[in-house]
Amino acid sequence: MGFYLRTSLRAGPFRFTLSPAGVGISAGVPGFRVGTGPRGNYVRVAGPGTSYFGGQMVKPAARQPLVPSHPANPHSVFMRELAGTPVQNLVAAHPSDLLQQIQAAARRKPLWPWITAVTVLIALASAPLGLLLLFLAAPGIWWIRQRDVARRSVVVFYQVEDAPAARYESFTGSNGFVSNVQRVWQVEAEGALHTTHQRKVNAGAGALIRRSAGRLDLAGPPVLVTNIAVPSIHGKDRSLFFLPDRVLVQHGKQFADVPYAAISAHMEAQRFIESDSPPTDAQCVGTTWRFVNKSGGPDRRFNNNRQLPIMLYGRLTLTTAQGLLMVWDFSRPDVAASLADAVNRMR
C-alpha cells in the first residue's frame, strides 16, 4: 500500500512535486514559474530542502502516590529533575544525513528582518524620497523572506509501504492524536514526601511534581516540510516528533534522532490532587483537604483550608538506554495508554 497525504510541498518560493518519475523543483510567482524535474527544465507562464524517495537522498538545488500540583512548602522537599540526558548527548557518532540537514536548517538565521530594518532606516534618513525606496524594496524583501523560509526548511517526501505503512497509519490515527484530550502536561521534576508534616501540608500526598503545559498535534518540526502527518508531543522546552523511521527529539535548536527499537514506552494510571481547575474530561475519584490531619479530615488550624479533587490521570514515560527520559501526564488515561501502545508497536 502507498502512504501519501500530499504529492506537492512548498518551502518558501520553491515547490517540490513528487511523481512516479521522480521529484521536480520549481520556483516563481503566480503566473510565472520555472523549474526542473525528471523530464528536464521548463518555464511556465499562466494567466491571472531534502527528499526521501526510493531510499535515495535528493538534495534540492541551491540549499502512583497522590501528587498535588502546587506544593505548600516545596523548598523542604528534594525534587529530582526528569530532564534525562541533554539532547546533544543523544546524537550518534555518525548522525544521519537527514539529522545533519535538520540541524543545519535550524541554526540558519533569517536575513529579511535585518534587511528590512536597514531599508527602513535608510528610508527614514532620506525622507520623503525614502517612501519611494520602501515601495521599490518591498518585493525584494518579500522574496528574501521567502528565500529564508526555504533556507531554513528541509523537504522530505516519504514513501512507506506494506506493514510499516499500516503501523504508521495506526500511529497517526491512534487515540492520542485524533481525540480531543483537554490537558497535557510535561512532568519536569518529582520529589517524595517522607515526613508526616510534609504530607500534612501537601494535602496528604506521597509525592510532589513540577509540571508545565504541553500539547499534541500532527504538525511536525517547523524546519521539516513533508508529505505526511507527523504525530508530535510538545513541552515547555522539549518536543518529540514521530516519523515513520525514527523519532526526532528537539530542545531549542538542537535535534537528535532515536530509532524506535531503542525507545521504551510505559503507561500507568496516576491519582493526582488537583489544586488548579480540573479538566472536564478527567475522572474525579475522590477528594481531600488542602491541609489534612492524620484521620484524613481537614486540619482546623488553617483558616484557608479548602477541599481539593483527586483526579485520575494517565502518565506516559518514554526512555532509552542512552538516557532519554520524558514524562507526560494526560487528563485521560486512555490517551496515554493508546500512545504507549502506538510507540511500542513501532519498535
C-alpha atoms as a PDB file:
ATOM      1  CA  MET A   1       0.000   0.000   0.000  1.00  0.00           C
ATOM      2  CA  GLY A   2       1.145   3.551  -0.552  1.00  0.00           C
ATOM      3  CA  PHE A   3       1.203   6.081   2.274  1.00  0.00           C
ATOM      4  CA  TYR A   4       0.804   9.610   0.950  1.00  0.00           C
ATOM      5  CA  LEU A   5      -1.017  12.708   2.098  1.00  0.00           C
ATOM      6  CA  ARG A   6       0.391  15.170  -0.419  1.00  0.00           C
ATOM      7  CA  THR A   7       2.395  14.998  -3.636  1.00  0.00           C
ATOM      8  CA  SER A   8       3.283  18.706  -3.694  1.00  0.00           C
ATOM      9  CA  LEU A   9       5.125  20.615  -0.960  1.00  0.00           C
ATOM     10  CA  ARG A  10       6.091  24.267  -0.618  1.00  0.00           C
ATOM     11  CA  ALA A  11       9.144  25.731   1.102  1.00  0.00           C
ATOM     12  CA  GLY A  12       9.289  29.487   0.595  1.00  0.00           C
ATOM     13  CA  PRO A  13       9.198  30.261  -3.155  1.00  0.00           C
ATOM     14  CA  PHE A  14      10.054  26.663  -4.059  1.00  0.00           C
ATOM     15  CA  ARG A  15       7.572  23.948  -4.884  1.00  0.00           C
ATOM     16  CA  PHE A  16       8.560  20.273  -4.749  1.00  0.00           C
ATOM     17  CA  THR A  17       6.400  17.849  -6.734  1.00  0.00           C
ATOM     18  CA  LEU A  18       6.526  14.080  -6.421  1.00  0.00           C
ATOM     19  CA  SER A  19       5.595  11.901  -9.390  1.00  0.00           C
ATOM     20  CA  PRO A  20       6.294   8.286 -10.373  1.00  0.00           C
ATOM     21  CA  ALA A  21       9.217   9.588 -12.438  1.00  0.00           C
ATOM     22  CA  GLY A  22      10.881  11.413  -9.540  1.00  0.00           C
ATOM     23  CA  VAL A  23      10.976  14.769  -7.751  1.00  0.00           C
ATOM     24  CA  GLY A  24      10.569  18.095  -9.542  1.00  0.00           C
ATOM     25  CA  ILE A  25      11.535  21.506  -8.172  1.00  0.00           C
ATOM     26  CA  SER A  26      10.156  24.840  -9.349  1.00  0.00           C
ATOM     27  CA  ALA A  27      10.100  28.452  -8.206  1.00  0.00           C
ATOM     28  CA  GLY A  28       8.264  31.593  -9.154  1.00  0.00           C
ATOM     29  CA  VAL A  29       5.209  33.724  -8.533  1.00  0.00           C
ATOM     30  CA  PRO A  30       1.598  33.289  -9.649  1.00  0.00           C
ATOM     31  CA  GLY A  31       1.605  33.383 -13.436  1.00  0.00           C
ATOM     32  CA  PHE A  32       5.306  32.671 -13.913  1.00  0.00           C
ATOM     33  CA  ARG A  33       7.235  29.615 -12.767  1.00  0.00           C
ATOM     34  CA  VAL A  34      10.498  27.986 -13.750  1.00  0.00           C
ATOM     35  CA  GLY A  35      11.684  24.590 -12.649  1.00  0.00           C
ATOM     36  CA  THR A  36      13.415  21.329 -13.269  1.00  0.00           C
ATOM     37  CA  GLY A  37      12.209  17.766 -12.998  1.00  0.00           C
ATOM     38  CA  PRO A  38      12.599  14.250 -14.332  1.00  0.00           C
ATOM     39  CA  ARG A  39      11.719  15.456 -17.838  1.00  0.00           C
ATOM     40  CA  GLY A  40      14.105  18.399 -17.859  1.00  0.00           C
ATOM     41  CA  ASN A  41      13.915  22.156 -17.313  1.00  0.00           C
ATOM     42  CA  TYR A  42      10.822  24.194 -18.064  1.00  0.00           C
ATOM     43  CA  VAL A  43       9.342  27.697 -17.912  1.00  0.00           C
ATOM     44  CA  ARG A  44       5.610  28.000 -17.302  1.00  0.00           C
ATOM     45  CA  VAL A  45       3.671  31.219 -17.928  1.00  0.00           C
ATOM     46  CA  ALA A  46      -0.010  31.294 -16.992  1.00  0.00           C
ATOM     47  CA  GLY A  47      -2.795  33.883 -16.773  1.00  0.00           C
ATOM     48  CA  PRO A  48      -4.241  35.913 -13.783  1.00  0.00           C
ATOM     49  CA  GLY A  49      15.131  21.117   1.196  1.00  0.00           C
ATOM     50  CA  THR A  50      15.680  17.340   1.035  1.00  0.00           C
ATOM     51  CA  SER A  51      13.545  14.455  -0.101  1.00  0.00           C
ATOM     52  CA  TYR A  52      13.494  10.753   0.568  1.00  0.00           C
ATOM     53  CA  PHE A  53      12.284   8.826  -2.452  1.00  0.00           C
ATOM     54  CA  GLY A  54      13.060   5.236  -3.260  1.00  0.00           C
ATOM     55  CA  GLY A  55      15.627   5.167  -0.464  1.00  0.00           C
ATOM     56  CA  GLN A  56      17.850   7.808  -2.098  1.00  0.00           C
ATOM     57  CA  MET A  57      18.577  11.264  -0.776  1.00  0.00           C
ATOM     58  CA  VAL A  58      17.852  14.024  -3.315  1.00  0.00           C
ATOM     59  CA  LYS A  59      19.072  17.496  -2.386  1.00  0.00           C
ATOM     60  CA  PRO A  60      17.190  20.483  -3.813  1.00  0.00           C
ATOM     61  CA  ALA A  61      19.223  22.840  -5.971  1.00  0.00           C
ATOM     62  CA  ALA A  62      20.894  25.796  -4.198  1.00  0.00           C
ATOM     63  CA  ARG A  63      20.151  24.546  -0.374  1.00  0.00           C
ATOM     64  CA  GLN A  64       1.298   6.247  41.784  1.00  0.00           C
ATOM     65  CA  PRO A  65       1.294   8.137  45.086  1.00  0.00           C
ATOM     66  CA  LEU A  66      -1.135  11.053  45.316  1.00  0.00           C
ATOM     67  CA  VAL A  67       0.501  14.087  43.796  1.00  0.00           C
ATOM     68  CA  PRO A  68      -0.558  17.737  44.285  1.00  0.00           C
ATOM     69  CA  SER A  69       0.268  20.230  41.556  1.00  0.00           C
ATOM     70  CA  HIS A  70       1.395  23.074  43.840  1.00  0.00           C
ATOM     71  CA  PRO A  71       3.399  22.123  46.949  1.00  0.00           C
ATOM     72  CA  ALA A  72       2.778  24.077  50.128  1.00  0.00           C
ATOM     73  CA  ASN A  73       6.440  24.035  51.103  1.00  0.00           C
ATOM     74  CA  PRO A  74       8.494  22.978  48.057  1.00  0.00           C
ATOM     75  CA  HIS A  75      11.839  24.138  49.465  1.00  0.00           C
ATOM     76  CA  SER A  76      11.833  21.396  52.114  1.00  0.00           C
ATOM     77  CA  VAL A  77      11.410  18.623  49.520  1.00  0.00           C
ATOM     78  CA  PHE A  78      14.210  17.342  47.300  1.00  0.00           C
ATOM     79  CA  MET A  79      12.990  17.483  43.693  1.00  0.00           C
ATOM     80  CA  ARG A  80      14.553  15.098  41.192  1.00  0.00           C
ATOM     81  CA  GLU A  81      14.775  16.583  37.707  1.00  0.00           C
ATOM     82  CA  LEU A  82      13.268  14.417  34.961  1.00  0.00           C
ATOM     83  CA  ALA A  83      15.121  16.021  32.067  1.00  0.00           C
ATOM     84  CA  GLY A  84      17.212  12.989  31.155  1.00  0.00           C
ATOM     85  CA  THR A  85      20.427  13.394  29.230  1.00  0.00           C
ATOM     86  CA  PRO A  86      20.920  16.558  27.117  1.00  0.00           C
ATOM     87  CA  VAL A  87      19.798  16.219  23.504  1.00  0.00           C
ATOM     88  CA  GLN A  88      23.328  16.656  22.166  1.00  0.00           C
ATOM     89  CA  ASN A  89      24.357  13.530  24.100  1.00  0.00           C
ATOM     90  CA  LEU A  90      21.753  11.532  22.166  1.00  0.00           C
ATOM     91  CA  VAL A  91      23.331  12.304  18.784  1.00  0.00           C
ATOM     92  CA  ALA A  92      25.056   9.223  17.399  1.00  0.00           C
ATOM     93  CA  ALA A  93      28.738   9.235  16.476  1.00  0.00           C
ATOM     94  CA  HIS A  94      27.656   9.210  12.813  1.00  0.00           C
ATOM     95  CA  PRO A  95      24.350  11.104  12.628  1.00  0.00           C
ATOM     96  CA  SER A  96      22.118  10.526   9.637  1.00  0.00           C
ATOM     97  CA  ASP A  97      22.140  12.843   6.642  1.00  0.00           C
ATOM     98  CA  LEU A  98      18.577  13.895   7.459  1.00  0.00           C
ATOM     99  CA  LEU A  99      19.500  14.848  11.022  1.00  0.00           C
ATOM    100  CA  GLN A 100      22.536  16.836   9.853  1.00  0.00           C
ATOM    101  CA  GLN A 101      20.407  18.823   7.415  1.00  0.00           C
ATOM    102  CA  ILE A 102      17.721  19.469  10.032  1.00  0.00           C
ATOM    103  CA  GLN A 103      20.405  20.678  12.467  1.00  0.00           C
ATOM    104  CA  ALA A 104      21.877  22.971   9.810  1.00  0.00           C
ATOM    105  CA  ALA A 105      18.478  24.376   8.812  1.00  0.00           C
ATOM    106  CA  ALA A 106      17.532  25.078  12.453  1.00  0.00           C
ATOM    107  CA  ARG A 107      20.761  27.049  13.009  1.00  0.00           C
ATOM    108  CA  ARG A 108      20.410  29.311   9.972  1.00  0.00           C
ATOM    109  CA  LYS A 109      19.490  32.898  10.828  1.00  0.00           C
ATOM    110  CA  PRO A 110      16.791  34.702   8.812  1.00  0.00           C
ATOM    111  CA  LEU A 111      18.148  37.635   6.807  1.00  0.00           C
ATOM    112  CA  TRP A 112      14.967  39.507   5.976  1.00  0.00           C
ATOM    113  CA  PRO A 113      14.455  41.214   9.387  1.00  0.00           C
ATOM    114  CA  TRP A 114      17.934  42.792   9.172  1.00  0.00           C
ATOM    115  CA  ILE A 115      17.468  43.863   5.556  1.00  0.00           C
ATOM    116  CA  THR A 116      14.062  45.301   6.415  1.00  0.00           C
ATOM    117  CA  ALA A 117      15.498  47.250   9.352  1.00  0.00           C
ATOM    118  CA  VAL A 118      18.338  48.695   7.249  1.00  0.00           C
ATOM    119  CA  THR A 119      15.918  49.623   4.445  1.00  0.00           C
ATOM    120  CA  VAL A 120      13.571  51.391   6.872  1.00  0.00           C
ATOM    121  CA  LEU A 121      16.454  53.342   8.448  1.00  0.00           C
ATOM    122  CA  ILE A 122      17.697  54.465   5.030  1.00  0.00           C
ATOM    123  CA  ALA A 123      14.160  55.415   4.019  1.00  0.00           C
ATOM    124  CA  LEU A 124      13.676  57.481   7.185  1.00  0.00           C
ATOM    125  CA  ALA A 125      17.015  59.207   6.690  1.00  0.00           C
ATOM    126  CA  SER A 126      16.157  60.116   3.101  1.00  0.00           C
ATOM    127  CA  ALA A 127      12.511  61.101   3.573  1.00  0.00           C
ATOM    128  CA  PRO A 128      10.370  61.974   1.680  1.00  0.00           C
ATOM    129  CA  LEU A 129      12.125  60.139  -1.185  1.00  0.00           C
ATOM    130  CA  GLY A 130      12.588  57.260   1.194  1.00  0.00           C
ATOM    131  CA  LEU A 131       8.917  56.324   0.805  1.00  0.00           C
ATOM    132  CA  LEU A 132       9.667  55.511  -2.817  1.00  0.00           C
ATOM    133  CA  LEU A 133      12.599  53.366  -1.683  1.00  0.00           C
ATOM    134  CA  LEU A 134      10.300  51.402   0.621  1.00  0.00           C
ATOM    135  CA  PHE A 135       7.828  50.864  -2.198  1.00  0.00           C
ATOM    136  CA  LEU A 136      10.544  49.641  -4.564  1.00  0.00           C
ATOM    137  CA  ALA A 137      12.224  47.454  -1.946  1.00  0.00           C
ATOM    138  CA  ALA A 138       9.043  45.673  -0.770  1.00  0.00           C
ATOM    139  CA  PRO A 139       9.061  42.952  -3.494  1.00  0.00           C
ATOM    140  CA  GLY A 140      12.746  42.259  -2.829  1.00  0.00           C
ATOM    141  CA  ILE A 141      12.172  41.964   0.927  1.00  0.00           C
ATOM    142  CA  TRP A 142       9.250  39.612   0.294  1.00  0.00           C
ATOM    143  CA  TRP A 143      11.461  37.431  -1.917  1.00  0.00           C
ATOM    144  CA  ILE A 144      14.273  37.365   0.668  1.00  0.00           C
ATOM    145  CA  ARG A 145      11.758  36.380   3.343  1.00  0.00           C
ATOM    146  CA  GLN A 146      10.508  33.538   1.151  1.00  0.00           C
ATOM    147  CA  ARG A 147      14.092  32.504   0.459  1.00  0.00           C
ATOM    148  CA  ASP A 148      14.780  32.466   4.212  1.00  0.00           C
ATOM    149  CA  VAL A 149      11.872  30.061   4.660  1.00  0.00           C
ATOM    150  CA  ALA A 150      13.408  27.775   2.041  1.00  0.00           C
ATOM    151  CA  ARG A 151      16.906  28.027   3.549  1.00  0.00           C
ATOM    152  CA  ARG A 152      15.532  27.077   6.955  1.00  0.00           C
ATOM    153  CA  SER A 153      13.472  24.128   5.640  1.00  0.00           C
ATOM    154  CA  VAL A 154      14.248  20.509   4.858  1.00  0.00           C
ATOM    155  CA  VAL A 155      11.850  18.965   2.342  1.00  0.00           C
ATOM    156  CA  VAL A 156      11.156  15.236   2.723  1.00  0.00           C
ATOM    157  CA  PHE A 157       8.903  13.016   0.635  1.00  0.00           C
ATOM    158  CA  TYR A 158       8.177   9.757   2.451  1.00  0.00           C
ATOM    159  CA  GLN A 159       7.074   6.615   0.666  1.00  0.00           C
ATOM    160  CA  VAL A 160       6.043   3.991   3.220  1.00  0.00           C
ATOM    161  CA  GLU A 161       4.603   0.703   2.034  1.00  0.00           C
ATOM    162  CA  ASP A 162       3.087  -2.539   3.310  1.00  0.00           C
ATOM    163  CA  ALA A 163       3.478  -3.382   7.031  1.00  0.00           C
ATOM    164  CA  PRO A 164       5.428  -0.205   8.003  1.00  0.00           C
ATOM    165  CA  ALA A 165       2.701   1.900   6.380  1.00  0.00           C
ATOM    166  CA  ALA A 166      -0.012   0.073   8.311  1.00  0.00           C
ATOM    167  CA  ARG A 167       1.840   0.578  11.613  1.00  0.00           C
ATOM    168  CA  TYR A 168       2.457   4.260  10.980  1.00  0.00           C
ATOM    169  CA  GLU A 169      -1.091   4.867   9.793  1.00  0.00           C
ATOM    170  CA  SER A 170      -2.274   3.235  13.020  1.00  0.00           C
ATOM    171  CA  PHE A 171       0.094   5.530  14.937  1.00  0.00           C
ATOM    172  CA  THR A 172      -1.204   8.743  13.357  1.00  0.00           C
ATOM    173  CA  GLY A 173      -4.770   7.548  13.897  1.00  0.00           C
ATOM    174  CA  SER A 174      -4.185   6.498  17.496  1.00  0.00           C
ATOM    175  CA  ASN A 175      -6.489   7.765  20.193  1.00  0.00           C
ATOM    176  CA  GLY A 176      -3.969  10.313  21.410  1.00  0.00           C
ATOM    177  CA  PHE A 177      -3.886  12.293  18.192  1.00  0.00           C
ATOM    178  CA  VAL A 178      -7.466  12.021  16.966  1.00  0.00           C
ATOM    179  CA  SER A 179      -9.194  12.539  20.328  1.00  0.00           C
ATOM    180  CA  ASN A 180      -9.534  15.918  21.984  1.00  0.00           C
ATOM    181  CA  VAL A 181      -7.692  15.339  25.224  1.00  0.00           C
ATOM    182  CA  GLN A 182      -8.196  18.513  27.222  1.00  0.00           C
ATOM    183  CA  ARG A 183      -4.931  18.724  29.168  1.00  0.00           C
ATOM    184  CA  VAL A 184      -1.381  17.529  28.605  1.00  0.00           C
ATOM    185  CA  TRP A 185       1.484  18.296  30.981  1.00  0.00           C
ATOM    186  CA  GLN A 186       5.201  17.642  30.803  1.00  0.00           C
ATOM    187  CA  VAL A 187       6.427  16.423  34.197  1.00  0.00           C
ATOM    188  CA  GLU A 188       9.713  18.216  34.848  1.00  0.00           C
ATOM    189  CA  ALA A 189      10.621  17.076  38.362  1.00  0.00           C
ATOM    190  CA  GLU A 190       9.297  14.995  41.233  1.00  0.00           C
ATOM    191  CA  GLY A 191      10.100  14.539  44.910  1.00  0.00           C
ATOM    192  CA  ALA A 192       8.941  12.106  47.570  1.00  0.00           C
ATOM    193  CA  LEU A 193       7.354  13.334  50.821  1.00  0.00           C
ATOM    194  CA  HIS A 194       8.854  11.487  53.779  1.00  0.00           C
ATOM    195  CA  THR A 195       7.651  13.182  56.964  1.00  0.00           C
ATOM    196  CA  THR A 196       4.193  13.464  58.459  1.00  0.00           C
ATOM    197  CA  HIS A 197       4.420  17.254  58.372  1.00  0.00           C
ATOM    198  CA  GLN A 198       5.336  17.274  54.667  1.00  0.00           C
ATOM    199  CA  ARG A 199       2.324  15.137  53.811  1.00  0.00           C
ATOM    200  CA  LYS A 200       0.011  17.125  56.134  1.00  0.00           C
ATOM    201  CA  VAL A 201       0.767  20.472  54.463  1.00  0.00           C
ATOM    202  CA  ASN A 202       0.610  18.954  50.956  1.00  0.00           C
ATOM    203  CA  ALA A 203      -2.945  17.564  51.043  1.00  0.00           C
ATOM    204  CA  GLY A 204      -1.827  14.135  52.252  1.00  0.00           C
ATOM    205  CA  ALA A 205       0.157  13.440  49.102  1.00  0.00           C
ATOM    206  CA  GLY A 206       3.031  10.977  48.935  1.00  0.00           C
ATOM    207  CA  ALA A 207       4.992  12.966  46.350  1.00  0.00           C
ATOM    208  CA  LEU A 208       5.190  16.330  44.637  1.00  0.00           C
ATOM    209  CA  ILE A 209       5.767  17.134  40.983  1.00  0.00           C
ATOM    210  CA  ARG A 210       6.644  20.202  38.954  1.00  0.00           C
ATOM    211  CA  ARG A 211       4.895  20.323  35.612  1.00  0.00           C
ATOM    212  CA  SER A 212       4.286  22.603  32.638  1.00  0.00           C
ATOM    213  CA  ALA A 213       1.624  22.666  29.947  1.00  0.00           C
ATOM    214  CA  GLY A 214       2.117  20.586  26.815  1.00  0.00           C
ATOM    215  CA  ARG A 215       0.158  19.742  23.700  1.00  0.00           C
ATOM    216  CA  LEU A 216      -0.351  17.153  20.967  1.00  0.00           C
ATOM    217  CA  ASP A 217      -0.586  17.815  17.243  1.00  0.00           C
ATOM    218  CA  LEU A 218       0.270  16.391  13.818  1.00  0.00           C
ATOM    219  CA  ALA A 219       2.371  19.308  12.587  1.00  0.00           C
ATOM    220  CA  GLY A 220       5.954  18.066  12.940  1.00  0.00           C
ATOM    221  CA  PRO A 221       9.003  20.297  13.452  1.00  0.00           C
ATOM    222  CA  PRO A 222       8.856  23.738  11.787  1.00  0.00           C
ATOM    223  CA  VAL A 223      12.040  23.077   9.775  1.00  0.00           C
ATOM    224  CA  LEU A 224      10.647  19.865   8.258  1.00  0.00           C
ATOM    225  CA  VAL A 225       8.338  20.115   5.238  1.00  0.00           C
ATOM    226  CA  THR A 226       6.920  16.687   4.471  1.00  0.00           C
ATOM    227  CA  ASN A 227       4.019  14.950   2.751  1.00  0.00           C
ATOM    228  CA  ILE A 228       2.781  13.081   5.832  1.00  0.00           C
ATOM    229  CA  ALA A 229       1.191  13.995   9.120  1.00  0.00           C
ATOM    230  CA  VAL A 230       3.809  13.827  11.887  1.00  0.00           C
ATOM    231  CA  PRO A 231       2.475  12.958  15.374  1.00  0.00           C
ATOM    232  CA  SER A 232       4.132  15.355  17.822  1.00  0.00           C
ATOM    233  CA  ILE A 233       4.234  15.948  21.583  1.00  0.00           C
ATOM    234  CA  HIS A 234       5.362  19.408  22.700  1.00  0.00           C
ATOM    235  CA  GLY A 235       6.520  20.508  26.134  1.00  0.00           C
ATOM    236  CA  LYS A 236       7.957  23.714  27.518  1.00  0.00           C
ATOM    237  CA  ASP A 237      11.492  23.049  26.342  1.00  0.00           C
ATOM    238  CA  ARG A 238      11.405  19.692  24.539  1.00  0.00           C
ATOM    239  CA  SER A 239       9.379  18.170  21.727  1.00  0.00           C
ATOM    240  CA  LEU A 240       9.101  14.711  20.204  1.00  0.00           C
ATOM    241  CA  PHE A 241       8.286  14.119  16.534  1.00  0.00           C
ATOM    242  CA  PHE A 242       7.354  10.597  15.441  1.00  0.00           C
ATOM    243  CA  LEU A 243       8.477   9.976  11.842  1.00  0.00           C
ATOM    244  CA  PRO A 244       7.909   6.675  10.015  1.00  0.00           C
ATOM    245  CA  ASP A 245      11.504   5.518  10.556  1.00  0.00           C
ATOM    246  CA  ARG A 246      12.698   7.390  13.654  1.00  0.00           C
ATOM    247  CA  VAL A 247      11.805   9.764  16.476  1.00  0.00           C
ATOM    248  CA  LEU A 248      13.188  13.302  16.417  1.00  0.00           C
ATOM    249  CA  VAL A 249      13.915  14.914  19.782  1.00  0.00           C
ATOM    250  CA  GLN A 250      14.146  18.725  19.816  1.00  0.00           C
ATOM    251  CA  HIS A 251      15.466  21.029  22.520  1.00  0.00           C
ATOM    252  CA  GLY A 252      15.724  24.587  21.241  1.00  0.00           C
ATOM    253  CA  LYS A 253      17.706  24.421  18.010  1.00  0.00           C
ATOM    254  CA  GLN A 254      19.268  21.070  18.913  1.00  0.00           C
ATOM    255  CA  PHE A 255      17.899  17.876  17.366  1.00  0.00           C
ATOM    256  CA  ALA A 256      18.632  14.181  17.830  1.00  0.00           C
ATOM    257  CA  ASP A 257      17.111  11.158  16.156  1.00  0.00           C
ATOM    258  CA  VAL A 258      16.361   7.932  18.023  1.00  0.00           C
ATOM    259  CA  PRO A 259      15.318   4.622  16.425  1.00  0.00           C
ATOM    260  CA  TYR A 260      12.017   3.150  17.584  1.00  0.00           C
ATOM    261  CA  ALA A 261      13.818  -0.044  18.613  1.00  0.00           C
ATOM    262  CA  ALA A 262      15.654   1.952  21.302  1.00  0.00           C
ATOM    263  CA  ILE A 263      12.531   3.514  22.859  1.00  0.00           C
ATOM    264  CA  SER A 264      10.508   2.001  25.671  1.00  0.00           C
ATOM    265  CA  ALA A 265       7.051   3.454  26.393  1.00  0.00           C
ATOM    266  CA  HIS A 266       5.247   2.815  29.683  1.00  0.00           C
ATOM    267  CA  MET A 267       1.837   3.985  30.873  1.00  0.00           C
ATOM    268  CA  GLU A 268       0.395   3.987  34.390  1.00  0.00           C
ATOM    269  CA  ALA A 269      -2.673   5.490  36.000  1.00  0.00           C
ATOM    270  CA  GLN A 270      -1.884   8.466  38.227  1.00  0.00           C
ATOM    271  CA  ARG A 271      -4.037   9.739  41.107  1.00  0.00           C
ATOM    272  CA  PHE A 272      -3.429  13.468  41.249  1.00  0.00           C
ATOM    273  CA  ILE A 273      -4.587  16.047  43.784  1.00  0.00           C
ATOM    274  CA  GLU A 274      -5.588  18.954  41.562  1.00  0.00           C
ATOM    275  CA  SER A 275      -5.285  22.451  43.016  1.00  0.00           C
ATOM    276  CA  ASP A 276      -5.975  24.112  39.649  1.00  0.00           C
ATOM    277  CA  SER A 277      -9.276  23.978  37.817  1.00  0.00           C
ATOM    278  CA  PRO A 278      -9.679  20.278  36.940  1.00  0.00           C
ATOM    279  CA  PRO A 279     -10.131  19.297  33.281  1.00  0.00           C
ATOM    280  CA  THR A 280     -13.682  18.300  32.435  1.00  0.00           C
ATOM    281  CA  ASP A 281     -12.628  15.162  30.553  1.00  0.00           C
ATOM    282  CA  ALA A 282     -10.829  13.684  33.590  1.00  0.00           C
ATOM    283  CA  GLN A 283     -12.404  11.369  36.151  1.00  0.00           C
ATOM    284  CA  CYS A 284     -12.671  12.541  39.766  1.00  0.00           C
ATOM    285  CA  VAL A 285     -12.016   9.587  42.095  1.00  0.00           C
ATOM    286  CA  GLY A 286     -12.195  11.337  45.460  1.00  0.00           C
ATOM    287  CA  THR A 287     -11.499  14.473  47.472  1.00  0.00           C
ATOM    288  CA  THR A 288      -9.070  15.598  50.127  1.00  0.00           C
ATOM    289  CA  TRP A 289      -8.196  18.785  52.017  1.00  0.00           C
ATOM    290  CA  ARG A 290      -5.513  21.348  51.278  1.00  0.00           C
ATOM    291  CA  PHE A 291      -4.226  20.801  54.833  1.00  0.00           C
ATOM    292  CA  VAL A 292      -5.179  17.371  56.094  1.00  0.00           C
ATOM    293  CA  ASN A 293      -4.870  15.682  59.509  1.00  0.00           C
ATOM    294  CA  LYS A 294      -3.921  12.073  60.224  1.00  0.00           C
ATOM    295  CA  SER A 295      -7.526  10.857  60.013  1.00  0.00           C
ATOM    296  CA  GLY A 296      -7.954  12.364  56.549  1.00  0.00           C
ATOM    297  CA  GLY A 297     -10.164  15.232  57.692  1.00  0.00           C
ATOM    298  CA  PRO A 298      -9.423  18.974  57.466  1.00  0.00           C
ATOM    299  CA  ASP A 299      -6.792  20.463  59.770  1.00  0.00           C
ATOM    300  CA  ARG A 300      -8.775  23.138  61.657  1.00  0.00           C
ATOM    301  CA  ARG A 301      -5.655  25.166  62.442  1.00  0.00           C
ATOM    302  CA  PHE A 302      -5.655  26.547  58.879  1.00  0.00           C
ATOM    303  CA  ASN A 303      -8.341  29.099  58.032  1.00  0.00           C
ATOM    304  CA  ASN A 304      -7.735  28.958  54.291  1.00  0.00           C
ATOM    305  CA  ASN A 305      -8.233  25.195  54.126  1.00  0.00           C
ATOM    306  CA  ARG A 306     -10.318  24.015  51.166  1.00  0.00           C
ATOM    307  CA  GLN A 307     -11.351  20.739  49.623  1.00  0.00           C
ATOM    308  CA  LEU A 308      -9.435  19.522  46.564  1.00  0.00           C
ATOM    309  CA  PRO A 309     -10.475  16.922  43.970  1.00  0.00           C
ATOM    310  CA  ILE A 310      -8.422  13.774  43.383  1.00  0.00           C
ATOM    311  CA  MET A 311      -8.272  13.217  39.617  1.00  0.00           C
ATOM    312  CA  LEU A 312      -7.312  10.102  37.688  1.00  0.00           C
ATOM    313  CA  TYR A 313      -4.743  10.930  35.017  1.00  0.00           C
ATOM    314  CA  GLY A 314      -2.591   8.814  32.717  1.00  0.00           C
ATOM    315  CA  ARG A 315       1.201   9.011  32.837  1.00  0.00           C
ATOM    316  CA  LEU A 316       3.314   8.235  29.768  1.00  0.00           C
ATOM    317  CA  THR A 317       7.032   7.641  30.314  1.00  0.00           C
ATOM    318  CA  LEU A 318       9.459   7.368  27.386  1.00  0.00           C
ATOM    319  CA  THR A 319      13.021   6.143  27.996  1.00  0.00           C
ATOM    320  CA  THR A 320      16.052   4.901  26.072  1.00  0.00           C
ATOM    321  CA  ALA A 321      19.272   3.222  27.146  1.00  0.00           C
ATOM    322  CA  GLN A 322      21.115   6.375  26.001  1.00  0.00           C
ATOM    323  CA  GLY A 323      19.460   8.378  28.756  1.00  0.00           C
ATOM    324  CA  LEU A 324      16.386   9.900  27.116  1.00  0.00           C
ATOM    325  CA  LEU A 325      13.696  10.470  29.742  1.00  0.00           C
ATOM    326  CA  MET A 326      10.431  12.260  29.079  1.00  0.00           C
ATOM    327  CA  VAL A 327       7.360  12.034  31.318  1.00  0.00           C
ATOM    328  CA  TRP A 328       3.897  13.284  30.344  1.00  0.00           C
ATOM    329  CA  ASP A 329       0.592  13.385  32.198  1.00  0.00           C
ATOM    330  CA  PHE A 330      -2.712  13.294  30.304  1.00  0.00           C
ATOM    331  CA  SER A 331      -6.139  14.170  31.653  1.00  0.00           C
ATOM    332  CA  ARG A 332      -7.407  10.955  30.032  1.00  0.00           C
ATOM    333  CA  PRO A 333      -5.627   7.673  30.925  1.00  0.00           C
ATOM    334  CA  ASP A 334      -6.891   6.014  27.718  1.00  0.00           C
ATOM    335  CA  VAL A 335      -4.970   8.565  25.656  1.00  0.00           C
ATOM    336  CA  ALA A 336      -1.725   7.835  27.486  1.00  0.00           C
ATOM    337  CA  ALA A 337      -2.337   4.088  27.093  1.00  0.00           C
ATOM    338  CA  SER A 338      -3.035   4.484  23.370  1.00  0.00           C
ATOM    339  CA  LEU A 339       0.155   6.469  22.826  1.00  0.00           C
ATOM    340  CA  ALA A 340       2.284   3.980  24.767  1.00  0.00           C
ATOM    341  CA  ASP A 341       0.848   1.118  22.734  1.00  0.00           C
ATOM    342  CA  ALA A 342       1.389   3.007  19.453  1.00  0.00           C
ATOM    343  CA  VAL A 343       5.039   3.736  20.258  1.00  0.00           C
ATOM    344  CA  ASN A 344       5.762   0.157  21.288  1.00  0.00           C
ATOM    345  CA  ARG A 345       4.123  -1.189  18.117  1.00  0.00           C
ATOM    346  CA  MET A 346       6.568   0.892  16.042  1.00  0.00           C
ATOM    347  CA  ARG A 347       9.568  -0.945  17.527  1.00  0.00           C
END
